[in-house]
């Protein structure tokens, strides 16, 4: 795959990015080098490697869900730019048809 030439101009057009001639040449070389590295990696034997293999074991970090002290509702609502009764009033986001 590294021998295939990448059409950097076409990719830039799809991404709507304007590139100078110098940038096109530089990116062609960089992408070619990157694909060369990918080709080397594709030659490795990975049949015995599980699909979810990771270098470092990952685990969820959890804490107990315990209620703690919080601010008074009236104090919080008094700081709101706008309120409507016991609620914050916010601008409408979805336009009605």
PDB file of N, CA and C in Angstrom:
ATOM      1  N   UNK A   1       0.820  -1.190   0.000  1.00  0.00           N
ATOM      2  CA  UNK A   1       0.000   0.000   0.000  1.00  0.00           C
ATOM      3  C   UNK A   1       0.868   1.260   0.000  1.00  0.00           C
ATOM      4  N   UNK A   2       2.072   1.151   0.534  1.00  0.00           N
ATOM      5  CA  UNK A   2       2.947   2.321   0.589  1.00  0.00           C
ATOM      6  C   UNK A   2       3.349   2.755  -0.811  1.00  0.00           C
ATOM      7  N   UNK A   3       3.300   1.819  -1.771  1.00  0.00           N
ATOM      8  CA  UNK A   3       3.686   2.176  -3.130  1.00  0.00           C
ATOM      9  C   UNK A   3       2.597   2.984  -3.829  1.00  0.00           C
ATOM     10  N   UNK A   4       1.356   2.905  -3.329  1.00  0.00           N
ATOM     11  CA  UNK A   4       0.274   3.685  -3.907  1.00  0.00           C
ATOM     12  C   UNK A   4       0.462   5.160  -3.556  1.00  0.00           C
ATOM     13  N   UNK A   5       0.193   6.016  -4.536  1.00  0.00           N
ATOM     14  CA  UNK A   5       0.320   7.450  -4.306  1.00  0.00           C
ATOM     15  C   UNK A   5      -1.011   7.983  -3.781  1.00  0.00           C
ATOM     16  N   UNK A   6      -0.936   8.827  -2.774  1.00  0.00           N
ATOM     17  CA  UNK A   6      -2.121   9.410  -2.174  1.00  0.00           C
ATOM     18  C   UNK A   6      -2.436  10.713  -2.891  1.00  0.00           C
ATOM     19  N   UNK A   7      -3.682  10.879  -3.282  1.00  0.00           N
ATOM     20  CA  UNK A   7      -4.098  12.110  -3.949  1.00  0.00           C
ATOM     21  C   UNK A   7      -4.429  13.139  -2.867  1.00  0.00           C
ATOM     22  N   UNK A   8      -3.417  13.854  -2.425  1.00  0.00           N
ATOM     23  CA  UNK A   8      -3.558  14.820  -1.333  1.00  0.00           C
ATOM     24  C   UNK A   8      -4.497  15.955  -1.732  1.00  0.00           C
ATOM     25  N   UNK A   9      -4.444  16.351  -2.990  1.00  0.00           N
ATOM     26  CA  UNK A   9      -5.338  17.428  -3.439  1.00  0.00           C
ATOM     27  C   UNK A   9      -6.811  17.017  -3.301  1.00  0.00           C
ATOM     28  N   UNK A  10      -7.106  15.772  -3.661  1.00  0.00           N
ATOM     29  CA  UNK A  10      -8.483  15.273  -3.559  1.00  0.00           C
ATOM     30  C   UNK A  10      -8.932  15.215  -2.098  1.00  0.00           C
ATOM     31  N   UNK A  11      -8.071  14.710  -1.234  1.00  0.00           N
ATOM     32  CA  UNK A  11      -8.402  14.635   0.197  1.00  0.00           C
ATOM     33  C   UNK A  11      -8.599  16.035   0.769  1.00  0.00           C
ATOM     34  N   UNK A  12      -7.757  16.965   0.381  1.00  0.00           N
ATOM     35  CA  UNK A  12      -7.887  18.349   0.846  1.00  0.00           C
ATOM     36  C   UNK A  12      -9.194  18.959   0.349  1.00  0.00           C
ATOM     37  N   UNK A  13      -9.573  18.630  -0.880  1.00  0.00           N
ATOM     38  CA  UNK A  13     -10.837  19.142  -1.416  1.00  0.00           C
ATOM     39  C   UNK A  13     -12.015  18.593  -0.623  1.00  0.00           C
ATOM     40  N   UNK A  14     -11.979  17.299  -0.284  1.00  0.00           N
ATOM     41  CA  UNK A  14     -13.047  16.698   0.517  1.00  0.00           C
ATOM     42  C   UNK A  14     -13.144  17.363   1.887  1.00  0.00           C
ATOM     43  N   UNK A  15     -11.986  17.709   2.460  1.00  0.00           N
ATOM     44  CA  UNK A  15     -11.948  18.341   3.776  1.00  0.00           C
ATOM     45  C   UNK A  15     -12.121  19.852   3.689  1.00  0.00           C
ATOM     46  N   UNK A  16     -12.236  20.353   2.451  1.00  0.00           N
ATOM     47  CA  UNK A  16     -12.378  21.798   2.217  1.00  0.00           C
ATOM     48  C   UNK A  16     -11.229  22.592   2.826  1.00  0.00           C
ATOM     49  N   UNK A  17     -10.024  22.106   2.529  1.00  0.00           N
ATOM     50  CA  UNK A  17      -8.800  22.743   3.008  1.00  0.00           C
ATOM     51  C   UNK A  17      -8.004  23.203   1.791  1.00  0.00           C
ATOM     52  N   UNK A  18      -7.599  24.434   1.791  1.00  0.00           N
ATOM     53  CA  UNK A  18      -6.759  24.954   0.714  1.00  0.00           C
ATOM     54  C   UNK A  18      -5.296  24.686   1.059  1.00  0.00           C
ATOM     55  N   UNK A  19      -4.578  24.054   0.135  1.00  0.00           N
ATOM     56  CA  UNK A  19      -3.171  23.733   0.360  1.00  0.00           C
ATOM     57  C   UNK A  19      -2.305  24.380  -0.710  1.00  0.00           C
ATOM     58  N   UNK A  20      -1.137  24.841  -0.301  1.00  0.00           N
ATOM     59  CA  UNK A  20      -0.163  25.351  -1.259  1.00  0.00           C
ATOM     60  C   UNK A  20       0.574  24.157  -1.876  1.00  0.00           C
ATOM     61  N   UNK A  21       1.320  24.416  -2.945  1.00  0.00           N
ATOM     62  CA  UNK A  21       2.084  23.336  -3.586  1.00  0.00           C
ATOM     63  C   UNK A  21       3.101  22.727  -2.620  1.00  0.00           C
ATOM     64  N   UNK A  22       3.728  23.564  -1.796  1.00  0.00           N
ATOM     65  CA  UNK A  22       4.693  23.059  -0.811  1.00  0.00           C
ATOM     66  C   UNK A  22       4.014  22.124   0.186  1.00  0.00           C
ATOM     67  N   UNK A  23       2.818  22.506   0.624  1.00  0.00           N
ATOM     68  CA  UNK A  23       2.084  21.669   1.582  1.00  0.00           C
ATOM     69  C   UNK A  23       1.667  20.348   0.945  1.00  0.00           C
ATOM     70  N   UNK A  24       1.245  20.387  -0.312  1.00  0.00           N
ATOM     71  CA  UNK A  24       0.858  19.158  -1.009  1.00  0.00           C
ATOM     72  C   UNK A  24       2.038  18.198  -1.060  1.00  0.00           C
ATOM     73  N   UNK A  25       3.196  18.703  -1.441  1.00  0.00           N
ATOM     74  CA  UNK A  25       4.393  17.852  -1.510  1.00  0.00           C
ATOM     75  C   UNK A  25       4.765  17.302  -0.141  1.00  0.00           C
ATOM     76  N   UNK A  26       4.728  18.153   0.877  1.00  0.00           N
ATOM     77  CA  UNK A  26       5.095  17.721   2.232  1.00  0.00           C
ATOM     78  C   UNK A  26       4.120  16.663   2.743  1.00  0.00           C
ATOM     79  N   UNK A  27       2.809  16.876   2.546  1.00  0.00           N
ATOM     80  CA  UNK A  27       1.819  15.925   3.038  1.00  0.00           C
ATOM     81  C   UNK A  27       1.852  14.612   2.271  1.00  0.00           C
ATOM     82  N   UNK A  28       2.165  14.662   0.959  1.00  0.00           N
ATOM     83  CA  UNK A  28       2.303  13.416   0.202  1.00  0.00           C
ATOM     84  C   UNK A  28       3.414  12.561   0.798  1.00  0.00           C
ATOM     85  N   UNK A  29       4.538  13.194   1.118  1.00  0.00           N
ATOM     86  CA  UNK A  29       5.653  12.445   1.711  1.00  0.00           C
ATOM     87  C   UNK A  29       5.281  11.916   3.088  1.00  0.00           C
ATOM     88  N   UNK A  30       4.673  12.771   3.923  1.00  0.00           N
ATOM     89  CA  UNK A  30       4.315  12.349   5.277  1.00  0.00           C
ATOM     90  C   UNK A  30       3.298  11.210   5.262  1.00  0.00           C
ATOM     91  N   UNK A  31       2.279  11.313   4.412  1.00  0.00           N
ATOM     92  CA  UNK A  31       1.278  10.254   4.351  1.00  0.00           C
ATOM     93  C   UNK A  31       1.870   8.973   3.771  1.00  0.00           C
ATOM     94  N   UNK A  32       2.769   9.110   2.811  1.00  0.00           N
ATOM     95  CA  UNK A  32       3.455   7.931   2.277  1.00  0.00           C
ATOM     96  C   UNK A  32       4.278   7.225   3.344  1.00  0.00           C
ATOM     97  N   UNK A  33       5.000   8.007   4.151  1.00  0.00           N
ATOM     98  CA  UNK A  33       5.778   7.427   5.255  1.00  0.00           C
ATOM     99  C   UNK A  33       4.867   6.731   6.261  1.00  0.00           C
ATOM    100  N   UNK A  34       3.753   7.360   6.575  1.00  0.00           N
ATOM    101  CA  UNK A  34       2.804   6.782   7.528  1.00  0.00           C
ATOM    102  C   UNK A  34       2.257   5.450   7.012  1.00  0.00           C
ATOM    103  N   UNK A  35       1.876   5.407   5.745  1.00  0.00           N
ATOM    104  CA  UNK A  35       1.367   4.155   5.184  1.00  0.00           C
ATOM    105  C   UNK A  35       2.455   3.084   5.124  1.00  0.00           C
ATOM    106  N   UNK A  36       3.691   3.500   4.947  1.00  0.00           N
ATOM    107  CA  UNK A  36       4.790   2.540   5.000  1.00  0.00           C
ATOM    108  C   UNK A  36       4.901   1.898   6.366  1.00  0.00           C
ATOM    109  N   UNK A  37       4.724   2.693   7.423  1.00  0.00           N
ATOM    110  CA  UNK A  37       4.749   2.146   8.784  1.00  0.00           C
ATOM    111  C   UNK A  37       3.573   1.210   9.016  1.00  0.00           C
ATOM    112  N   UNK A  38       2.417   1.553   8.483  1.00  0.00           N
ATOM    113  CA  UNK A  38       1.239   0.694   8.625  1.00  0.00           C
ATOM    114  C   UNK A  38       1.480  -0.633   7.917  1.00  0.00           C
ATOM    115  N   UNK A  39       2.117  -0.600   6.747  1.00  0.00           N
ATOM    116  CA  UNK A  39       2.441  -1.842   6.038  1.00  0.00           C
ATOM    117  C   UNK A  39       3.336  -2.743   6.875  1.00  0.00           C
ATOM    118  N   UNK A  40       4.316  -2.164   7.554  1.00  0.00           N
ATOM    119  CA  UNK A  40       5.208  -2.949   8.415  1.00  0.00           C
ATOM    120  C   UNK A  40       4.407  -3.588   9.547  1.00  0.00           C
ATOM    121  N   UNK A  41       3.486  -2.819  10.134  1.00  0.00           N
ATOM    122  CA  UNK A  41       2.669  -3.361  11.214  1.00  0.00           C
ATOM    123  C   UNK A  41       1.746  -4.467  10.732  1.00  0.00           C
ATOM    124  N   UNK A  42       1.267  -4.378   9.504  1.00  0.00           N
ATOM    125  CA  UNK A  42       0.358  -5.403   8.995  1.00  0.00           C
ATOM    126  C   UNK A  42       1.055  -6.743   8.799  1.00  0.00           C
ATOM    127  N   UNK A  43       2.382  -6.755   8.778  1.00  0.00           N
ATOM    128  CA  UNK A  43       3.132  -7.998   8.636  1.00  0.00           C
ATOM    129  C   UNK A  43       3.276  -8.749   9.957  1.00  0.00           C
ATOM    130  N   UNK A  44       2.949  -8.116  11.071  1.00  0.00           N
ATOM    131  CA  UNK A  44       3.081  -8.761  12.374  1.00  0.00           C
ATOM    132  C   UNK A  44       2.025  -9.837  12.560  1.00  0.00           C
ATOM    133  N   UNK A  45       2.376 -10.882  13.280  1.00  0.00           N
ATOM    134  CA  UNK A  45       1.450 -11.970  13.578  1.00  0.00           C
ATOM    135  C   UNK A  45       0.602 -11.562  14.778  1.00  0.00           C
ATOM    136  N   UNK A  46      -0.680 -11.348  14.558  1.00  0.00           N
ATOM    137  CA  UNK A  46      -1.565 -10.888  15.630  1.00  0.00           C
ATOM    138  C   UNK A  46      -2.702 -11.866  15.915  1.00  0.00           C
ATOM    139  N   UNK A  47      -2.628 -13.069  15.362  1.00  0.00           N
ATOM    140  CA  UNK A  47      -3.717 -14.032  15.545  1.00  0.00           C
ATOM    141  C   UNK A  47      -3.918 -14.396  17.008  1.00  0.00           C
ATOM    142  N   UNK A  48      -2.843 -14.420  17.793  1.00  0.00           N
ATOM    143  CA  UNK A  48      -2.953 -14.814  19.192  1.00  0.00           C
ATOM    144  C   UNK A  48      -3.268 -13.644  20.122  1.00  0.00           C
ATOM    145  N   UNK A  49      -3.363 -12.455  19.582  1.00  0.00           N
ATOM    146  CA  UNK A  49      -3.620 -11.273  20.403  1.00  0.00           C
ATOM    147  C   UNK A  49      -5.127 -11.042  20.466  1.00  0.00           C
ATOM    148  N   UNK A  50      -5.698 -11.018  21.668  1.00  0.00           N
ATOM    149  CA  UNK A  50      -7.140 -10.767  21.761  1.00  0.00           C
ATOM    150  C   UNK A  50      -7.489  -9.385  21.210  1.00  0.00           C
ATOM    151  N   UNK A  51      -8.705  -9.267  20.696  1.00  0.00           N
ATOM    152  CA  UNK A  51      -9.130  -8.023  20.061  1.00  0.00           C
ATOM    153  C   UNK A  51      -9.150  -6.843  21.027  1.00  0.00           C
ATOM    154  N   UNK A  52      -9.313  -7.106  22.306  1.00  0.00           N
ATOM    155  CA  UNK A  52      -9.389  -6.015  23.270  1.00  0.00           C
ATOM    156  C   UNK A  52      -8.095  -5.831  24.043  1.00  0.00           C
ATOM    157  N   UNK A  53      -6.994  -6.312  23.496  1.00  0.00           N
ATOM    158  CA  UNK A  53      -5.715  -6.204  24.199  1.00  0.00           C
ATOM    159  C   UNK A  53      -5.336  -4.743  24.389  1.00  0.00           C
ATOM    160  N   UNK A  54      -4.847  -4.429  25.582  1.00  0.00           N
ATOM    161  CA  UNK A  54      -4.388  -3.083  25.895  1.00  0.00           C
ATOM    162  C   UNK A  54      -3.047  -3.178  26.598  1.00  0.00           C
ATOM    163  N   UNK A  55      -2.269  -2.142  26.465  1.00  0.00           N
ATOM    164  CA  UNK A  55      -0.966  -2.123  27.109  1.00  0.00           C
ATOM    165  C   UNK A  55      -1.126  -2.058  28.618  1.00  0.00           C
ATOM    166  N   UNK A  56      -2.043  -1.223  29.082  1.00  0.00           N
ATOM    167  CA  UNK A  56      -2.290  -1.050  30.500  1.00  0.00           C
ATOM    168  C   UNK A  56      -3.718  -1.499  30.786  1.00  0.00           C
ATOM    169  N   UNK A  57      -3.885  -2.286  31.822  1.00  0.00           N
ATOM    170  CA  UNK A  57      -5.223  -2.747  32.175  1.00  0.00           C
ATOM    171  C   UNK A  57      -6.092  -1.551  32.557  1.00  0.00           C
ATOM    172  N   UNK A  58      -7.291  -1.507  32.018  1.00  0.00           N
ATOM    173  CA  UNK A  58      -8.191  -0.409  32.359  1.00  0.00           C
ATOM    174  C   UNK A  58      -9.279  -0.914  33.294  1.00  0.00           C
ATOM    175  N   UNK A  59      -9.713  -0.042  34.166  1.00  0.00           N
ATOM    176  CA  UNK A  59     -10.786  -0.392  35.085  1.00  0.00           C
ATOM    177  C   UNK A  59     -11.539   0.869  35.457  1.00  0.00           C
ATOM    178  N   UNK A  60     -12.792   0.706  35.821  1.00  0.00           N
ATOM    179  CA  UNK A  60     -13.588   1.848  36.251  1.00  0.00           C
ATOM    180  C   UNK A  60     -13.173   2.268  37.656  1.00  0.00           C
ATOM    181  N   UNK A  61     -13.105   3.557  37.847  1.00  0.00           N
ATOM    182  CA  UNK A  61     -12.838   4.089  39.172  1.00  0.00           C
ATOM    183  C   UNK A  61     -14.177   4.577  39.696  1.00  0.00           C
ATOM    184  N   UNK A  62     -14.638   3.950  40.734  1.00  0.00           N
ATOM    185  CA  UNK A  62     -15.949   4.285  41.260  1.00  0.00           C
ATOM    186  C   UNK A  62     -15.840   4.784  42.690  1.00  0.00           C
ATOM    187  N   UNK A  63     -16.825   5.561  43.073  1.00  0.00           N
ATOM    188  CA  UNK A  63     -16.913   6.009  44.451  1.00  0.00           C
ATOM    189  C   UNK A  63     -18.349   5.797  44.907  1.00  0.00           C
ATOM    190  N   UNK A  64     -18.543   5.788  46.176  1.00  0.00           N
ATOM    191  CA  UNK A  64     -19.885   5.616  46.709  1.00  0.00           C
ATOM    192  C   UNK A  64     -20.735   6.833  46.366  1.00  0.00           C
ATOM    193  N   UNK A  65     -21.980   6.600  46.025  1.00  0.00           N
ATOM    194  CA  UNK A  65     -22.903   7.680  45.699  1.00  0.00           C
ATOM    195  C   UNK A  65     -23.622   8.090  46.981  1.00  0.00           C
ATOM    196  N   UNK A  66     -23.041   9.066  47.645  1.00  0.00           N
ATOM    197  CA  UNK A  66     -23.594   9.506  48.921  1.00  0.00           C
ATOM    198  C   UNK A  66     -24.028  10.966  48.823  1.00  0.00           C
ATOM    199  N   UNK A  67     -25.170  11.258  49.410  1.00  0.00           N
ATOM    200  CA  UNK A  67     -25.656  12.634  49.423  1.00  0.00           C
ATOM    201  C   UNK A  67     -24.770  13.476  50.329  1.00  0.00           C
ATOM    202  N   UNK A  68     -24.482  14.691  49.893  1.00  0.00           N
ATOM    203  CA  UNK A  68     -23.656  15.599  50.670  1.00  0.00           C
ATOM    204  C   UNK A  68     -24.346  16.939  50.790  1.00  0.00           C
ATOM    205  N   UNK A  69     -23.714  17.852  51.466  1.00  0.00           N
ATOM    206  CA  UNK A  69     -24.329  19.171  51.626  1.00  0.00           C
ATOM    207  C   UNK A  69     -24.426  19.892  50.273  1.00  0.00           C
ATOM    208  N   UNK A  70     -25.503  20.608  50.085  1.00  0.00           N
ATOM    209  CA  UNK A  70     -25.684  21.371  48.851  1.00  0.00           C
ATOM    210  C   UNK A  70     -26.237  22.744  49.191  1.00  0.00           C
ATOM    211  N   UNK A  71     -26.247  23.604  48.206  1.00  0.00           N
ATOM    212  CA  UNK A  71     -26.735  24.954  48.416  1.00  0.00           C
ATOM    213  C   UNK A  71     -28.259  24.977  48.455  1.00  0.00           C
ATOM    214  N   UNK A  72     -28.774  25.967  49.094  1.00  0.00           N
ATOM    215  CA  UNK A  72     -30.221  26.157  49.192  1.00  0.00           C
ATOM    216  C   UNK A  72     -30.783  26.535  47.817  1.00  0.00           C
ATOM    217  N   UNK A  73     -31.947  25.996  47.458  1.00  0.00           N
ATOM    218  CA  UNK A  73     -32.563  26.258  46.161  1.00  0.00           C
ATOM    219  C   UNK A  73     -32.765  27.756  45.936  1.00  0.00           C
ATOM    220  N   UNK A  74     -33.255  28.461  46.931  1.00  0.00           N
ATOM    221  CA  UNK A  74     -33.536  29.885  46.789  1.00  0.00           C
ATOM    222  C   UNK A  74     -32.256  30.681  46.552  1.00  0.00           C
ATOM    223  N   UNK A  75     -31.162  30.273  47.184  1.00  0.00           N
ATOM    224  CA  UNK A  75     -29.877  30.944  46.979  1.00  0.00           C
ATOM    225  C   UNK A  75     -29.420  30.795  45.529  1.00  0.00           C
ATOM    226  N   UNK A  76     -29.538  29.591  45.002  1.00  0.00           N
ATOM    227  CA  UNK A  76     -29.131  29.326  43.626  1.00  0.00           C
ATOM    228  C   UNK A  76     -30.028  30.083  42.653  1.00  0.00           C
ATOM    229  N   UNK A  77     -31.331  30.015  42.856  1.00  0.00           N
ATOM    230  CA  UNK A  77     -32.253  30.691  41.946  1.00  0.00           C
ATOM    231  C   UNK A  77     -32.096  32.201  41.991  1.00  0.00           C
ATOM    232  N   UNK A  78     -31.666  32.741  43.113  1.00  0.00           N
ATOM    233  CA  UNK A  78     -31.469  34.184  43.196  1.00  0.00           C
ATOM    234  C   UNK A  78     -30.289  34.640  42.331  1.00  0.00           C
ATOM    235  N   UNK A  79     -29.383  33.740  41.982  1.00  0.00           N
ATOM    236  CA  UNK A  79     -28.230  34.071  41.138  1.00  0.00           C
ATOM    237  C   UNK A  79     -28.505  33.846  39.660  1.00  0.00           C
ATOM    238  N   UNK A  80     -29.648  33.265  39.322  1.00  0.00           N
ATOM    239  CA  UNK A  80     -29.976  32.981  37.922  1.00  0.00           C
ATOM    240  C   UNK A  80     -30.296  34.271  37.173  1.00  0.00           C
ATOM    241  N   UNK A  81     -29.891  34.363  35.899  1.00  0.00           N
ATOM    242  CA  UNK A  81     -30.232  35.547  35.122  1.00  0.00           C
ATOM    243  C   UNK A  81     -31.745  35.717  34.988  1.00  0.00           C
ATOM    244  N   UNK A  82     -32.451  34.615  34.807  1.00  0.00           N
ATOM    245  CA  UNK A  82     -33.911  34.629  34.746  1.00  0.00           C
ATOM    246  C   UNK A  82     -34.430  33.393  35.449  1.00  0.00           C
ATOM    247  N   UNK A  83     -35.571  33.542  36.079  1.00  0.00           N
ATOM    248  CA  UNK A  83     -36.188  32.387  36.717  1.00  0.00           C
ATOM    249  C   UNK A  83     -37.681  32.443  36.485  1.00  0.00           C
ATOM    250  N   UNK A  84     -38.287  31.290  36.605  1.00  0.00           N
ATOM    251  CA  UNK A  84     -39.734  31.178  36.460  1.00  0.00           C
ATOM    252  C   UNK A  84     -40.211  30.276  37.584  1.00  0.00           C
ATOM    253  N   UNK A  85     -40.718  30.882  38.626  1.00  0.00           N
ATOM    254  CA  UNK A  85     -41.131  30.126  39.804  1.00  0.00           C
ATOM    255  C   UNK A  85     -39.932  29.487  40.463  1.00  0.00           C
ATOM    256  N   UNK A  86     -39.959  28.166  40.599  1.00  0.00           N
ATOM    257  CA  UNK A  86     -38.868  27.439  41.251  1.00  0.00           C
ATOM    258  C   UNK A  86     -37.871  26.864  40.240  1.00  0.00           C
ATOM    259  N   UNK A  87     -37.855  27.423  38.997  1.00  0.00           N
ATOM    260  CA  UNK A  87     -37.012  26.871  37.946  1.00  0.00           C
ATOM    261  C   UNK A  87     -36.186  27.963  37.279  1.00  0.00           C
ATOM    262  N   UNK A  88     -35.086  27.550  36.629  1.00  0.00           N
ATOM    263  CA  UNK A  88     -34.311  28.455  35.785  1.00  0.00           C
ATOM    264  C   UNK A  88     -35.085  28.670  34.493  1.00  0.00           C
ATOM    265  N   UNK A  89     -35.088  29.862  33.980  1.00  0.00           N
ATOM    266  CA  UNK A  89     -35.688  30.127  32.668  1.00  0.00           C
ATOM    267  C   UNK A  89     -34.540  30.281  31.678  1.00  0.00           C
ATOM    268  N   UNK A  90     -34.606  29.505  30.603  1.00  0.00           N
ATOM    269  CA  UNK A  90     -33.558  29.528  29.596  1.00  0.00           C
ATOM    270  C   UNK A  90     -34.162  29.827  28.226  1.00  0.00           C
ATOM    271  N   UNK A  91     -33.365  30.310  27.296  1.00  0.00           N
ATOM    272  CA  UNK A  91     -33.889  30.595  25.960  1.00  0.00           C
ATOM    273  C   UNK A  91     -34.298  29.308  25.263  1.00  0.00           C
ATOM    274  N   UNK A  92     -35.314  29.407  24.411  1.00  0.00           N
ATOM    275  CA  UNK A  92     -35.760  28.272  23.637  1.00  0.00           C
ATOM    276  C   UNK A  92     -34.678  27.890  22.637  1.00  0.00           C
ATOM    277  N   UNK A  93     -34.375  26.614  22.526  1.00  0.00           N
ATOM    278  CA  UNK A  93     -33.323  26.163  21.634  1.00  0.00           C
ATOM    279  C   UNK A  93     -33.906  25.623  20.331  1.00  0.00           C
ATOM    280  N   UNK A  94     -35.000  24.914  20.417  1.00  0.00           N
ATOM    281  CA  UNK A  94     -35.598  24.290  19.239  1.00  0.00           C
ATOM    282  C   UNK A  94     -36.739  25.182  18.759  1.00  0.00           C
ATOM    283  N   UNK A  95     -36.678  25.562  17.512  1.00  0.00           N
ATOM    284  CA  UNK A  95     -37.717  26.406  16.940  1.00  0.00           C
ATOM    285  C   UNK A  95     -38.961  25.584  16.674  1.00  0.00           C
ATOM    286  N   UNK A  96     -40.094  26.167  16.936  1.00  0.00           N
ATOM    287  CA  UNK A  96     -41.361  25.493  16.660  1.00  0.00           C
ATOM    288  C   UNK A  96     -41.730  25.734  15.209  1.00  0.00           C
ATOM    289  N   UNK A  97     -42.335  24.735  14.538  1.00  0.00           N
ATOM    290  CA  UNK A  97     -42.696  24.905  13.123  1.00  0.00           C
ATOM    291  C   UNK A  97     -43.818  25.910  12.947  1.00  0.00           C
TER     292      UNK A  97
END
